[in-house]
Amino acid sequence: MNKTTDKSILQEAEEIRQGSRNSDYGDAVDNFKRIAQMASLITGTELTPKQCVAVHIATKLSREAYRYKRDNLVDLCGYADIMQEVCESEVNDGWVQS
């Protein structure tokens, strides 16, 4: 628990995901579909929403490897949740088999 907020990183990530982030950026799966389209254009390589979430996770892991910061861990929890949503969306849309 964070002594300042008395919330676990999971609780904090859930509040962020269900609150401000969703209202600021819209549906996470739709957002990562847009990110994948833009990243594909920039790199010239077809990237999936799942791959883009993985890059965000890698960024947070790299930052955490350099120096501990609670925000990195909160964001990792949030991105793990988004990864689940993206994977479920891919199955539901017929992109991959479950």
N, C-alpha and C. Protein backbone atom coordinates (compact mmCIF):
# COMPACT_ATOMS: atom_id res chain seq x y z
N MET A 1 0.83 -1.19 0.00
CA MET A 1 0.00 0.00 0.00
C MET A 1 0.88 1.26 0.00
N ASN A 2 0.40 2.25 -0.66
CA ASN A 2 1.05 3.55 -0.64
C ASN A 2 0.62 4.27 0.62
N LYS A 3 1.59 4.63 1.46
CA LYS A 3 1.25 5.27 2.74
C LYS A 3 0.57 6.61 2.55
N THR A 4 0.81 7.24 1.42
CA THR A 4 0.19 8.54 1.15
C THR A 4 -1.28 8.38 0.78
N THR A 5 -1.59 7.37 -0.03
CA THR A 5 -2.95 7.24 -0.53
C THR A 5 -3.71 6.07 0.08
N ASP A 6 -3.01 5.14 0.73
CA ASP A 6 -3.63 3.92 1.27
C ASP A 6 -4.29 3.10 0.18
N LYS A 7 -3.78 3.19 -1.04
CA LYS A 7 -4.29 2.40 -2.16
C LYS A 7 -3.16 1.51 -2.67
N SER A 8 -3.53 0.32 -3.12
CA SER A 8 -2.55 -0.52 -3.79
C SER A 8 -2.35 0.00 -5.20
N ILE A 9 -1.28 -0.45 -5.86
CA ILE A 9 -1.07 -0.03 -7.24
C ILE A 9 -2.19 -0.55 -8.13
N LEU A 10 -2.76 -1.70 -7.77
CA LEU A 10 -3.88 -2.23 -8.56
C LEU A 10 -5.12 -1.35 -8.43
N GLN A 11 -5.39 -0.91 -7.21
CA GLN A 11 -6.54 -0.02 -7.00
C GLN A 11 -6.34 1.30 -7.73
N GLU A 12 -5.15 1.83 -7.63
CA GLU A 12 -4.87 3.11 -8.29
C GLU A 12 -4.99 2.99 -9.81
N ALA A 13 -4.46 1.89 -10.36
CA ALA A 13 -4.54 1.68 -11.80
C ALA A 13 -5.99 1.54 -12.24
N GLU A 14 -6.77 0.81 -11.46
CA GLU A 14 -8.19 0.63 -11.82
C GLU A 14 -8.94 1.97 -11.79
N GLU A 15 -8.68 2.78 -10.79
CA GLU A 15 -9.33 4.09 -10.72
C GLU A 15 -8.96 4.96 -11.92
N ILE A 16 -7.70 4.92 -12.29
CA ILE A 16 -7.25 5.71 -13.45
C ILE A 16 -7.90 5.19 -14.72
N ARG A 17 -7.88 3.87 -14.90
CA ARG A 17 -8.45 3.26 -16.12
C ARG A 17 -9.95 3.51 -16.24
N GLN A 18 -10.65 3.48 -15.12
CA GLN A 18 -12.10 3.65 -15.16
C GLN A 18 -12.50 5.13 -15.11
N GLY A 19 -11.57 5.98 -14.77
CA GLY A 19 -11.90 7.39 -14.59
C GLY A 19 -11.31 8.28 -15.65
N SER A 20 -10.29 9.02 -15.27
CA SER A 20 -9.77 10.10 -16.10
C SER A 20 -9.21 9.64 -17.44
N ARG A 21 -8.50 8.53 -17.48
CA ARG A 21 -7.91 8.10 -18.74
C ARG A 21 -8.98 7.78 -19.78
N ASN A 22 -10.02 7.10 -19.34
CA ASN A 22 -11.08 6.74 -20.28
C ASN A 22 -11.78 7.99 -20.81
N SER A 23 -12.04 8.95 -19.93
CA SER A 23 -12.72 10.16 -20.39
C SER A 23 -11.77 11.06 -21.21
N ASP A 24 -10.47 11.01 -20.91
CA ASP A 24 -9.50 11.83 -21.65
C ASP A 24 -9.19 11.27 -23.03
N TYR A 25 -9.08 9.93 -23.14
CA TYR A 25 -8.57 9.33 -24.36
C TYR A 25 -9.55 8.38 -25.05
N GLY A 26 -10.68 8.11 -24.45
CA GLY A 26 -11.66 7.20 -25.04
C GLY A 26 -11.33 5.75 -24.74
N ASP A 27 -12.03 4.88 -25.42
CA ASP A 27 -11.86 3.45 -25.23
C ASP A 27 -10.42 3.04 -25.51
N ALA A 28 -9.83 2.26 -24.61
CA ALA A 28 -8.42 1.88 -24.73
C ALA A 28 -8.14 1.03 -25.96
N VAL A 29 -9.03 0.11 -26.27
CA VAL A 29 -8.82 -0.75 -27.45
C VAL A 29 -8.85 0.11 -28.72
N ASP A 30 -9.81 0.99 -28.83
CA ASP A 30 -9.88 1.88 -29.99
C ASP A 30 -8.64 2.76 -30.07
N ASN A 31 -8.18 3.25 -28.93
CA ASN A 31 -6.99 4.10 -28.88
C ASN A 31 -5.77 3.33 -29.39
N PHE A 32 -5.62 2.09 -28.94
CA PHE A 32 -4.45 1.32 -29.39
C PHE A 32 -4.58 0.87 -30.84
N LYS A 33 -5.78 0.76 -31.36
CA LYS A 33 -5.93 0.51 -32.79
C LYS A 33 -5.42 1.73 -33.57
N ARG A 34 -5.75 2.93 -33.09
CA ARG A 34 -5.25 4.14 -33.74
C ARG A 34 -3.73 4.24 -33.62
N ILE A 35 -3.21 3.95 -32.43
CA ILE A 35 -1.76 3.98 -32.22
C ILE A 35 -1.08 3.01 -33.18
N ALA A 36 -1.64 1.80 -33.33
CA ALA A 36 -1.05 0.81 -34.23
C ALA A 36 -1.04 1.30 -35.68
N GLN A 37 -2.12 1.94 -36.10
CA GLN A 37 -2.17 2.48 -37.47
C GLN A 37 -1.08 3.53 -37.67
N MET A 38 -0.96 4.45 -36.72
CA MET A 38 0.04 5.51 -36.84
C MET A 38 1.46 4.96 -36.77
N ALA A 39 1.70 4.04 -35.83
CA ALA A 39 3.03 3.44 -35.69
C ALA A 39 3.41 2.65 -36.93
N SER A 40 2.43 2.00 -37.54
CA SER A 40 2.68 1.25 -38.78
C SER A 40 3.11 2.18 -39.90
N LEU A 41 2.44 3.32 -40.00
CA LEU A 41 2.82 4.30 -41.03
C LEU A 41 4.22 4.85 -40.77
N ILE A 42 4.53 5.14 -39.52
CA ILE A 42 5.83 5.71 -39.18
C ILE A 42 6.96 4.71 -39.44
N THR A 43 6.76 3.46 -39.05
CA THR A 43 7.83 2.46 -39.15
C THR A 43 7.88 1.75 -40.50
N GLY A 44 6.78 1.80 -41.24
CA GLY A 44 6.73 1.05 -42.49
C GLY A 44 6.56 -0.44 -42.26
N THR A 45 6.21 -0.82 -41.04
CA THR A 45 5.98 -2.21 -40.65
C THR A 45 4.61 -2.30 -40.02
N GLU A 46 3.84 -3.31 -40.41
CA GLU A 46 2.50 -3.48 -39.85
C GLU A 46 2.60 -3.88 -38.37
N LEU A 47 2.10 -3.03 -37.51
CA LEU A 47 2.09 -3.31 -36.07
C LEU A 47 0.65 -3.48 -35.61
N THR A 48 0.46 -4.37 -34.65
CA THR A 48 -0.86 -4.63 -34.10
C THR A 48 -1.06 -3.81 -32.83
N PRO A 49 -2.31 -3.63 -32.43
CA PRO A 49 -2.56 -2.97 -31.14
C PRO A 49 -1.86 -3.70 -29.99
N LYS A 50 -1.85 -5.03 -30.03
CA LYS A 50 -1.19 -5.81 -28.98
C LYS A 50 0.30 -5.50 -28.93
N GLN A 51 0.94 -5.39 -30.07
CA GLN A 51 2.36 -5.05 -30.10
C GLN A 51 2.61 -3.65 -29.54
N CYS A 52 1.71 -2.74 -29.83
CA CYS A 52 1.86 -1.37 -29.34
C CYS A 52 1.70 -1.31 -27.82
N VAL A 53 0.78 -2.08 -27.27
CA VAL A 53 0.65 -2.15 -25.81
C VAL A 53 1.94 -2.73 -25.24
N ALA A 54 2.49 -3.75 -25.89
CA ALA A 54 3.73 -4.37 -25.42
C ALA A 54 4.88 -3.36 -25.39
N VAL A 55 4.93 -2.46 -26.36
CA VAL A 55 5.97 -1.42 -26.38
C VAL A 55 5.77 -0.47 -25.18
N HIS A 56 4.54 -0.12 -24.88
CA HIS A 56 4.28 0.73 -23.72
C HIS A 56 4.71 0.02 -22.43
N ILE A 57 4.44 -1.27 -22.35
CA ILE A 57 4.86 -2.05 -21.19
C ILE A 57 6.39 -2.06 -21.10
N ALA A 58 7.05 -2.26 -22.24
CA ALA A 58 8.51 -2.28 -22.26
C ALA A 58 9.09 -0.93 -21.80
N THR A 59 8.45 0.15 -22.20
CA THR A 59 8.90 1.48 -21.78
C THR A 59 8.85 1.60 -20.26
N LYS A 60 7.75 1.17 -19.67
CA LYS A 60 7.61 1.26 -18.22
C LYS A 60 8.59 0.33 -17.50
N LEU A 61 8.83 -0.87 -18.06
CA LEU A 61 9.80 -1.78 -17.46
C LEU A 61 11.21 -1.20 -17.52
N SER A 62 11.55 -0.57 -18.64
CA SER A 62 12.86 0.06 -18.78
C SER A 62 13.04 1.20 -17.78
N ARG A 63 12.01 2.01 -17.64
CA ARG A 63 12.09 3.12 -16.67
C ARG A 63 12.23 2.59 -15.26
N GLU A 64 11.49 1.53 -14.94
CA GLU A 64 11.54 0.96 -13.60
C GLU A 64 12.90 0.31 -13.35
N ALA A 65 13.51 -0.27 -14.39
CA ALA A 65 14.84 -0.87 -14.23
C ALA A 65 15.88 0.20 -13.91
N TYR A 66 15.67 1.39 -14.43
CA TYR A 66 16.59 2.50 -14.15
C TYR A 66 16.43 3.01 -12.73
N ARG A 67 15.17 3.24 -12.35
CA ARG A 67 14.90 3.77 -11.01
C ARG A 67 13.45 3.49 -10.65
N TYR A 68 13.27 3.08 -9.39
CA TYR A 68 11.91 2.82 -8.89
C TYR A 68 11.09 4.10 -8.92
N LYS A 69 9.88 3.97 -9.42
CA LYS A 69 8.90 5.04 -9.34
C LYS A 69 7.52 4.38 -9.33
N ARG A 70 6.75 4.66 -8.33
CA ARG A 70 5.43 4.02 -8.18
C ARG A 70 4.59 4.15 -9.45
N ASP A 71 4.66 5.28 -10.10
CA ASP A 71 3.89 5.51 -11.32
C ASP A 71 4.16 4.45 -12.38
N ASN A 72 5.42 4.00 -12.48
CA ASN A 72 5.74 2.95 -13.45
C ASN A 72 4.94 1.69 -13.17
N LEU A 73 4.85 1.31 -11.91
CA LEU A 73 4.14 0.09 -11.53
C LEU A 73 2.63 0.25 -11.72
N VAL A 74 2.12 1.41 -11.39
CA VAL A 74 0.69 1.68 -11.61
C VAL A 74 0.38 1.57 -13.10
N ASP A 75 1.20 2.21 -13.92
CA ASP A 75 0.98 2.16 -15.37
C ASP A 75 1.12 0.75 -15.92
N LEU A 76 2.07 -0.04 -15.39
CA LEU A 76 2.20 -1.43 -15.82
C LEU A 76 0.91 -2.20 -15.57
N CYS A 77 0.31 -1.98 -14.42
CA CYS A 77 -0.98 -2.64 -14.12
C CYS A 77 -2.04 -2.20 -15.12
N GLY A 78 -2.08 -0.92 -15.40
CA GLY A 78 -3.05 -0.41 -16.36
C GLY A 78 -2.83 -0.98 -17.75
N TYR A 79 -1.56 -1.04 -18.19
CA TYR A 79 -1.28 -1.60 -19.51
C TYR A 79 -1.57 -3.09 -19.57
N ALA A 80 -1.36 -3.81 -18.47
CA ALA A 80 -1.72 -5.23 -18.43
C ALA A 80 -3.22 -5.40 -18.62
N ASP A 81 -3.99 -4.53 -18.00
CA ASP A 81 -5.45 -4.56 -18.16
C ASP A 81 -5.84 -4.25 -19.60
N ILE A 82 -5.18 -3.26 -20.19
CA ILE A 82 -5.45 -2.93 -21.59
C ILE A 82 -5.07 -4.09 -22.50
N MET A 83 -3.94 -4.75 -22.20
CA MET A 83 -3.52 -5.90 -23.01
C MET A 83 -4.61 -6.97 -23.01
N GLN A 84 -5.20 -7.22 -21.85
CA GLN A 84 -6.28 -8.20 -21.77
C GLN A 84 -7.44 -7.78 -22.67
N GLU A 85 -7.83 -6.51 -22.61
CA GLU A 85 -8.93 -6.02 -23.43
C GLU A 85 -8.61 -6.14 -24.92
N VAL A 86 -7.39 -5.82 -25.29
CA VAL A 86 -6.98 -5.92 -26.70
C VAL A 86 -7.02 -7.38 -27.15
N CYS A 87 -6.51 -8.29 -26.33
CA CYS A 87 -6.53 -9.72 -26.68
C CYS A 87 -7.95 -10.23 -26.82
N GLU A 88 -8.82 -9.85 -25.90
CA GLU A 88 -10.22 -10.27 -25.99
C GLU A 88 -10.89 -9.69 -27.22
N SER A 89 -10.56 -8.46 -27.56
CA SER A 89 -11.11 -7.82 -28.75
C SER A 89 -10.66 -8.55 -30.01
N GLU A 90 -9.39 -8.96 -30.04
CA GLU A 90 -8.88 -9.69 -31.20
C GLU A 90 -9.62 -11.01 -31.37
N VAL A 91 -9.87 -11.71 -30.27
CA VAL A 91 -10.60 -12.97 -30.34
C VAL A 91 -12.03 -12.72 -30.81
N ASN A 92 -12.68 -11.72 -30.22
CA ASN A 92 -14.07 -11.41 -30.57
C ASN A 92 -14.21 -10.93 -32.01
N ASP A 93 -13.20 -10.23 -32.52
CA ASP A 93 -13.23 -9.73 -33.89
C ASP A 93 -12.76 -10.77 -34.90
N GLY A 94 -12.34 -11.94 -34.42
CA GLY A 94 -11.90 -13.00 -35.30
C GLY A 94 -10.46 -12.85 -35.78
N TRP A 95 -9.66 -11.98 -35.14
CA TRP A 95 -8.26 -11.81 -35.54
C TRP A 95 -7.44 -13.03 -35.16
N VAL A 96 -7.74 -13.58 -33.98
CA VAL A 96 -6.98 -14.75 -33.50
C VAL A 96 -7.96 -15.72 -32.87
N GLN A 97 -7.52 -16.95 -32.71
CA GLN A 97 -8.33 -17.93 -32.03
C GLN A 97 -8.01 -17.92 -30.54
N SER A 98 -9.02 -18.19 -29.71
CA SER A 98 -8.77 -18.22 -28.27
C SER A 98 -8.10 -19.50 -27.86
